[in-house]
Amino acid sequence: MNTKPSVAEAARSVLAAADPLAKVAAARQAARDWRLGRLDFAFDVAMPEEPARPATPELLPPNRMPKRGKGGSERGRVALIHALAHIEFVAIDLAFDLIGRFGAQFPRAFTDDWMKVGADEAMHFALLDRRLKQLGSHYGAMPAHAGLWEAAVATAGDAAARLAVVPMVLEARGLDVTPATIERFEAVGDHATAAILGRIFRDEIVHVRAGTRWFESLCAARRIDSRVEWRALLDRYFRGTVKPPFNDSARETAGLTRDYYESLAVSGPISL
């Protein structure tokens, strides 16, 4: 009789943790247990529609989010770090929901990749949260964007759509904007934060590469053109815009070649 907990149970435990430190610990434990063979490759429990969330930060619609400036003042820098910490916090849940919701459709290597991604996101959040505390703040001290989980809700029924939207659009956008953000922190002498963002940037290239690779493998199995399918899925599922400037070099390194997105600069942003 198999007494190991399942991969799905481990993923759900991450989503069920509301406290930020508890979520980070659950993510690290799940990734470690998977790496050490302590989890059964089984998907026997469903993922929740919404992950647990702490009492703070207050989650606001995008149009109610306070302006945080460019990050030149210390207050502006703290606000920007807080916003980035929130993105990484939600990214933990996105990674483990991807495993628990869709892992049964893929070989074990898919779970290998996304366990690593989930552990990375937990580490990114922990680094940014620690930096906030060094600057006299903490995660939850300011409002945060309520819309980040919307992509997960919209794509809950389609693994290809989830991969197309989350790593190949949302994370890929981070590749476009992070280098300029690092430069802003360097310009005001905040080398500690710049170093953290540099680490995150390098890891996100790996994450986008994983998303692109598994998306292309799905399209190959379905015998459809991955570029055409990506655009069709964005038209259907993505409530946002995809527009230049693009970091072509970082995207190319991540396998997200220009033939995916260059037409967007010609035909305009996708919007619903």
Protein backbone atom coordinates (compact mmCIF):
# COMPACT_ATOMS: atom_id res chain seq x y z
CA MET A 1 0.00 0.00 0.00
CA ASN A 2 1.38 3.39 -1.00
CA THR A 3 1.52 5.74 2.00
CA LYS A 4 3.27 8.63 0.27
CA PRO A 5 1.34 11.88 -0.04
CA SER A 6 0.60 12.79 -3.63
CA VAL A 7 1.99 15.60 -5.73
CA ALA A 8 -1.52 17.08 -5.85
CA GLU A 9 -1.79 17.06 -2.05
CA ALA A 10 1.54 18.87 -1.78
CA ALA A 11 0.48 21.46 -4.36
CA ARG A 12 -2.82 22.02 -2.59
CA SER A 13 -1.04 22.50 0.74
CA VAL A 14 0.84 25.44 -0.79
CA LEU A 15 -2.37 26.99 -2.12
CA ALA A 16 -4.07 26.47 1.27
CA ALA A 17 -1.37 28.36 3.21
CA ALA A 18 -2.47 31.95 3.83
CA ASP A 19 0.41 33.25 5.93
CA PRO A 20 3.30 34.35 3.66
CA LEU A 21 5.97 32.55 5.69
CA ALA A 22 3.83 29.42 5.81
CA LYS A 23 3.32 29.53 2.04
CA VAL A 24 7.05 29.91 1.45
CA ALA A 25 7.74 27.00 3.80
CA ALA A 26 5.09 24.82 2.14
CA ALA A 27 6.51 25.58 -1.32
CA ARG A 28 10.03 24.72 -0.25
CA GLN A 29 8.84 21.54 1.47
CA ALA A 30 6.87 20.41 -1.57
CA ALA A 31 9.82 20.97 -3.90
CA ARG A 32 12.20 19.20 -1.52
CA ASP A 33 9.85 16.25 -1.02
CA TRP A 34 9.41 15.85 -4.76
CA ARG A 35 13.15 16.00 -5.37
CA LEU A 36 13.78 13.36 -2.71
CA GLY A 37 11.08 10.99 -3.98
CA ARG A 38 8.73 11.49 -1.04
CA LEU A 39 5.69 12.33 -3.17
CA ASP A 40 3.63 9.95 -5.26
CA PHE A 41 3.11 11.02 -8.87
CA ALA A 42 -0.67 11.12 -8.45
CA PHE A 43 -3.32 13.78 -8.90
CA ASP A 44 -6.03 12.67 -6.52
CA VAL A 45 -7.25 15.97 -5.06
CA ALA A 46 -8.64 19.05 -6.80
CA MET A 47 -7.08 22.48 -6.61
CA PRO A 48 -9.11 25.25 -4.96
CA GLU A 49 -10.68 27.94 -7.13
CA GLU A 50 -8.85 30.58 -5.11
CA PRO A 51 -5.71 30.26 -2.99
CA ALA A 52 -5.69 31.31 0.64
CA ARG A 53 -4.59 34.89 1.22
CA PRO A 54 -3.36 36.75 4.30
CA ALA A 55 -5.45 39.53 5.85
CA THR A 56 -3.04 42.05 4.37
CA PRO A 57 -2.21 43.44 1.87
CA GLU A 58 -5.56 44.91 0.93
CA LEU A 59 -6.24 43.82 -2.64
CA LEU A 60 -7.53 46.58 -4.93
CA PRO A 61 -8.65 46.75 -8.57
CA PRO A 62 -5.97 48.19 -10.87
CA ASN A 63 -7.78 51.52 -11.24
CA ARG A 64 -7.78 52.03 -7.46
CA MET A 65 -4.09 51.28 -6.91
CA PRO A 66 -2.18 54.33 -5.57
CA LYS A 67 0.53 55.77 -7.78
CA ARG A 68 3.97 54.74 -6.59
CA GLY A 69 6.23 56.91 -8.74
CA LYS A 70 9.44 55.83 -10.44
CA GLY A 71 11.27 54.55 -7.40
CA GLY A 72 13.61 57.53 -6.94
CA SER A 73 12.55 58.37 -3.39
CA GLU A 74 12.83 55.80 -0.62
CA ARG A 75 9.04 55.77 -0.28
CA GLY A 76 8.73 55.12 -4.01
CA ARG A 77 11.35 52.40 -3.90
CA VAL A 78 9.62 50.65 -1.00
CA ALA A 79 6.30 50.82 -2.86
CA LEU A 80 7.88 49.31 -5.95
CA ILE A 81 9.56 46.52 -3.96
CA HIS A 82 6.22 45.80 -2.28
CA ALA A 83 4.50 45.53 -5.67
CA LEU A 84 7.20 43.16 -6.90
CA ALA A 85 6.94 41.09 -3.72
CA HIS A 86 3.22 40.70 -4.30
CA ILE A 87 3.82 39.50 -7.86
CA GLU A 88 6.23 36.87 -6.56
CA PHE A 89 3.82 35.86 -3.79
CA VAL A 90 1.04 35.19 -6.31
CA ALA A 91 3.55 33.46 -8.59
CA ILE A 92 4.10 30.81 -5.91
CA ASP A 93 0.42 29.84 -6.18
CA LEU A 94 0.46 30.03 -9.97
CA ALA A 95 3.30 27.50 -10.13
CA PHE A 96 1.75 25.00 -7.74
CA ASP A 97 -1.73 25.37 -9.21
CA LEU A 98 -0.19 24.55 -12.60
CA ILE A 99 1.27 21.35 -11.15
CA GLY A 100 -1.82 20.24 -9.27
CA ARG A 101 -4.35 21.19 -11.93
CA PHE A 102 -2.55 20.06 -15.08
CA GLY A 103 0.33 17.79 -14.07
CA ALA A 104 -1.57 14.60 -14.91
CA GLN A 105 -1.60 15.65 -18.58
CA PHE A 106 2.20 15.69 -18.78
CA PRO A 107 5.19 13.44 -18.07
CA ARG A 108 7.00 13.67 -14.74
CA ALA A 109 9.50 16.15 -16.21
CA PHE A 110 6.72 18.76 -16.23
CA THR A 111 6.38 18.44 -12.45
CA ASP A 112 10.18 18.53 -12.16
CA ASP A 113 10.25 21.89 -13.95
CA TRP A 114 7.37 23.55 -12.12
CA MET A 115 8.42 22.38 -8.68
CA LYS A 116 11.70 24.16 -9.37
CA VAL A 117 9.78 27.24 -10.57
CA GLY A 118 7.60 27.21 -7.45
CA ALA A 119 10.65 26.98 -5.19
CA ASP A 120 12.25 29.86 -7.11
CA GLU A 121 9.16 32.04 -6.70
CA ALA A 122 9.13 31.34 -2.96
CA MET A 123 12.79 32.32 -2.75
CA HIS A 124 12.14 35.51 -4.75
CA PHE A 125 9.33 36.51 -2.42
CA ALA A 126 11.44 35.79 0.66
CA LEU A 127 14.29 37.95 -0.66
CA LEU A 128 11.99 40.87 -1.43
CA ASP A 129 10.14 40.54 1.88
CA ARG A 130 13.45 40.60 3.74
CA ARG A 131 14.49 43.67 1.77
CA LEU A 132 11.25 45.42 2.72
CA LYS A 133 11.98 44.71 6.39
CA GLN A 134 15.51 46.08 5.99
CA LEU A 135 13.91 49.29 4.70
CA GLY A 136 11.50 49.51 7.64
CA SER A 137 8.44 48.03 5.93
CA HIS A 138 6.95 44.59 5.35
CA TYR A 139 4.75 42.69 2.92
CA GLY A 140 1.16 43.72 3.58
CA ALA A 141 2.00 47.28 4.59
CA MET A 142 0.52 48.67 1.34
CA PRO A 143 -2.36 47.75 -0.96
CA ALA A 144 -1.66 45.32 -3.78
CA HIS A 145 -3.03 44.52 -7.21
CA ALA A 146 -6.09 42.24 -7.06
CA GLY A 147 -5.99 41.13 -10.67
CA LEU A 148 -2.97 38.83 -10.76
CA TRP A 149 -4.96 35.66 -10.10
CA GLU A 150 -7.43 36.48 -12.90
CA ALA A 151 -5.22 34.75 -15.47
CA ALA A 152 -5.39 31.52 -13.45
CA VAL A 153 -9.17 31.70 -13.19
CA ALA A 154 -9.56 32.39 -16.91
CA THR A 155 -7.33 29.47 -17.92
CA ALA A 156 -8.36 26.93 -15.28
CA GLY A 157 -9.76 24.55 -17.89
CA ASP A 158 -6.97 24.59 -20.47
CA ALA A 159 -3.31 23.75 -19.87
CA ALA A 160 -2.22 25.28 -23.17
CA ALA A 161 -3.98 28.53 -22.35
CA ARG A 162 -2.40 28.65 -18.88
CA LEU A 163 1.08 28.20 -20.36
CA ALA A 164 0.39 30.71 -23.13
CA VAL A 165 -0.78 33.42 -20.75
CA VAL A 166 1.21 33.01 -17.51
CA PRO A 167 4.83 32.19 -18.43
CA MET A 168 4.67 33.29 -22.08
CA VAL A 169 2.98 36.67 -21.49
CA LEU A 170 3.02 37.69 -17.83
CA GLU A 171 6.47 36.36 -16.93
CA ALA A 172 7.85 37.31 -20.34
CA ARG A 173 6.79 40.89 -19.65
CA GLY A 174 9.05 40.81 -16.63
CA LEU A 175 11.95 40.12 -18.99
CA ASP A 176 11.07 43.32 -20.84
CA VAL A 177 10.79 45.67 -17.87
CA THR A 178 13.15 44.30 -15.20
CA PRO A 179 16.45 45.55 -16.70
CA ALA A 180 15.20 49.17 -16.61
CA THR A 181 13.96 48.66 -13.05
CA ILE A 182 17.39 47.37 -12.03
CA GLU A 183 18.97 50.47 -13.58
CA ARG A 184 16.65 52.73 -11.55
CA PHE A 185 17.70 51.08 -8.29
CA GLU A 186 21.36 51.19 -9.27
CA ALA A 187 21.04 54.89 -10.14
CA VAL A 188 19.97 55.76 -6.59
CA GLY A 189 22.59 53.52 -4.98
CA ASP A 190 20.24 50.72 -3.92
CA HIS A 191 22.58 47.97 -5.04
CA ALA A 192 21.06 45.41 -2.67
CA THR A 193 17.66 45.57 -4.34
CA ALA A 194 19.23 45.68 -7.78
CA ALA A 195 21.10 42.45 -7.01
CA ILE A 196 17.87 40.74 -5.94
CA LEU A 197 16.15 41.82 -9.15
CA GLY A 198 19.11 40.58 -11.16
CA ARG A 199 18.71 37.15 -9.59
CA ILE A 200 14.98 37.18 -10.29
CA PHE A 201 15.56 38.23 -13.91
CA ARG A 202 17.94 35.34 -14.55
CA ASP A 203 15.53 32.84 -12.99
CA GLU A 204 12.57 34.19 -14.95
CA ILE A 205 14.36 33.45 -18.22
CA VAL A 206 14.41 29.80 -17.13
CA HIS A 207 10.72 29.96 -16.19
CA VAL A 208 9.67 31.43 -19.53
CA ARG A 209 11.77 28.78 -21.27
CA ALA A 210 9.94 26.03 -19.38
CA GLY A 211 6.56 27.52 -20.25
CA THR A 212 7.44 27.86 -23.92
CA ARG A 213 8.88 24.35 -24.13
CA TRP A 214 5.83 22.68 -22.57
CA PHE A 215 3.44 24.81 -24.64
CA GLU A 216 5.24 23.75 -27.80
CA SER A 217 5.17 20.11 -26.72
CA LEU A 218 1.39 20.32 -26.28
CA CYS A 219 0.96 21.92 -29.68
CA ALA A 220 3.18 19.28 -31.29
CA ALA A 221 1.11 16.52 -29.70
CA ARG A 222 -2.05 18.17 -31.07
CA ARG A 223 -0.38 18.73 -34.45
CA ILE A 224 -1.09 22.44 -34.49
CA ASP A 225 1.17 25.43 -35.14
CA SER A 226 2.34 26.78 -31.79
CA ARG A 227 2.61 30.39 -32.99
CA VAL A 228 -0.90 30.45 -34.42
CA GLU A 229 -2.31 28.71 -31.35
CA TRP A 230 -0.56 31.12 -28.96
CA ARG A 231 -2.12 34.13 -30.64
CA ALA A 232 -5.56 32.47 -30.72
CA LEU A 233 -5.36 31.63 -27.01
CA LEU A 234 -4.36 35.18 -26.12
CA ASP A 235 -7.28 36.54 -28.13
CA ARG A 236 -9.58 34.26 -26.17
CA TYR A 237 -8.16 34.29 -22.65
CA PHE A 238 -5.89 37.26 -22.00
CA ARG A 239 -7.53 40.37 -20.58
CA GLY A 240 -4.69 42.77 -21.11
CA THR A 241 -2.27 44.09 -23.67
CA VAL A 242 0.87 42.73 -25.25
CA LYS A 243 2.92 45.51 -26.79
CA PRO A 244 6.51 46.63 -27.32
CA PRO A 245 9.16 47.38 -26.30
CA PHE A 246 10.29 43.76 -26.06
CA ASN A 247 13.56 42.44 -24.66
CA ASP A 248 14.30 40.36 -27.75
CA SER A 249 17.59 39.01 -26.39
CA ALA A 250 16.14 37.68 -23.13
CA ARG A 251 13.06 36.34 -24.88
CA GLU A 252 15.21 34.57 -27.46
CA THR A 253 17.27 32.99 -24.67
CA ALA A 254 14.00 31.79 -23.15
CA GLY A 255 12.91 30.23 -26.46
CA LEU A 256 10.17 32.81 -26.98
CA THR A 257 11.30 33.84 -30.45
CA ARG A 258 10.17 36.94 -32.30
CA ASP A 259 7.87 35.00 -34.61
CA TYR A 260 5.53 34.59 -31.63
CA TYR A 261 5.07 38.24 -30.79
CA GLU A 262 6.51 40.51 -33.47
CA SER A 263 3.17 40.73 -35.28
CA LEU A 264 1.72 42.36 -32.16
CA ALA A 265 3.85 45.43 -32.82
CA VAL A 266 2.29 45.64 -36.28
CA SER A 267 -1.31 44.77 -35.58
CA GLY A 268 -1.48 46.44 -32.18
CA PRO A 269 -1.99 45.10 -28.67
CA ILE A 270 -4.32 42.25 -27.88
CA SER A 271 -7.21 43.39 -25.73
CA LEU A 272 -10.56 42.02 -24.66
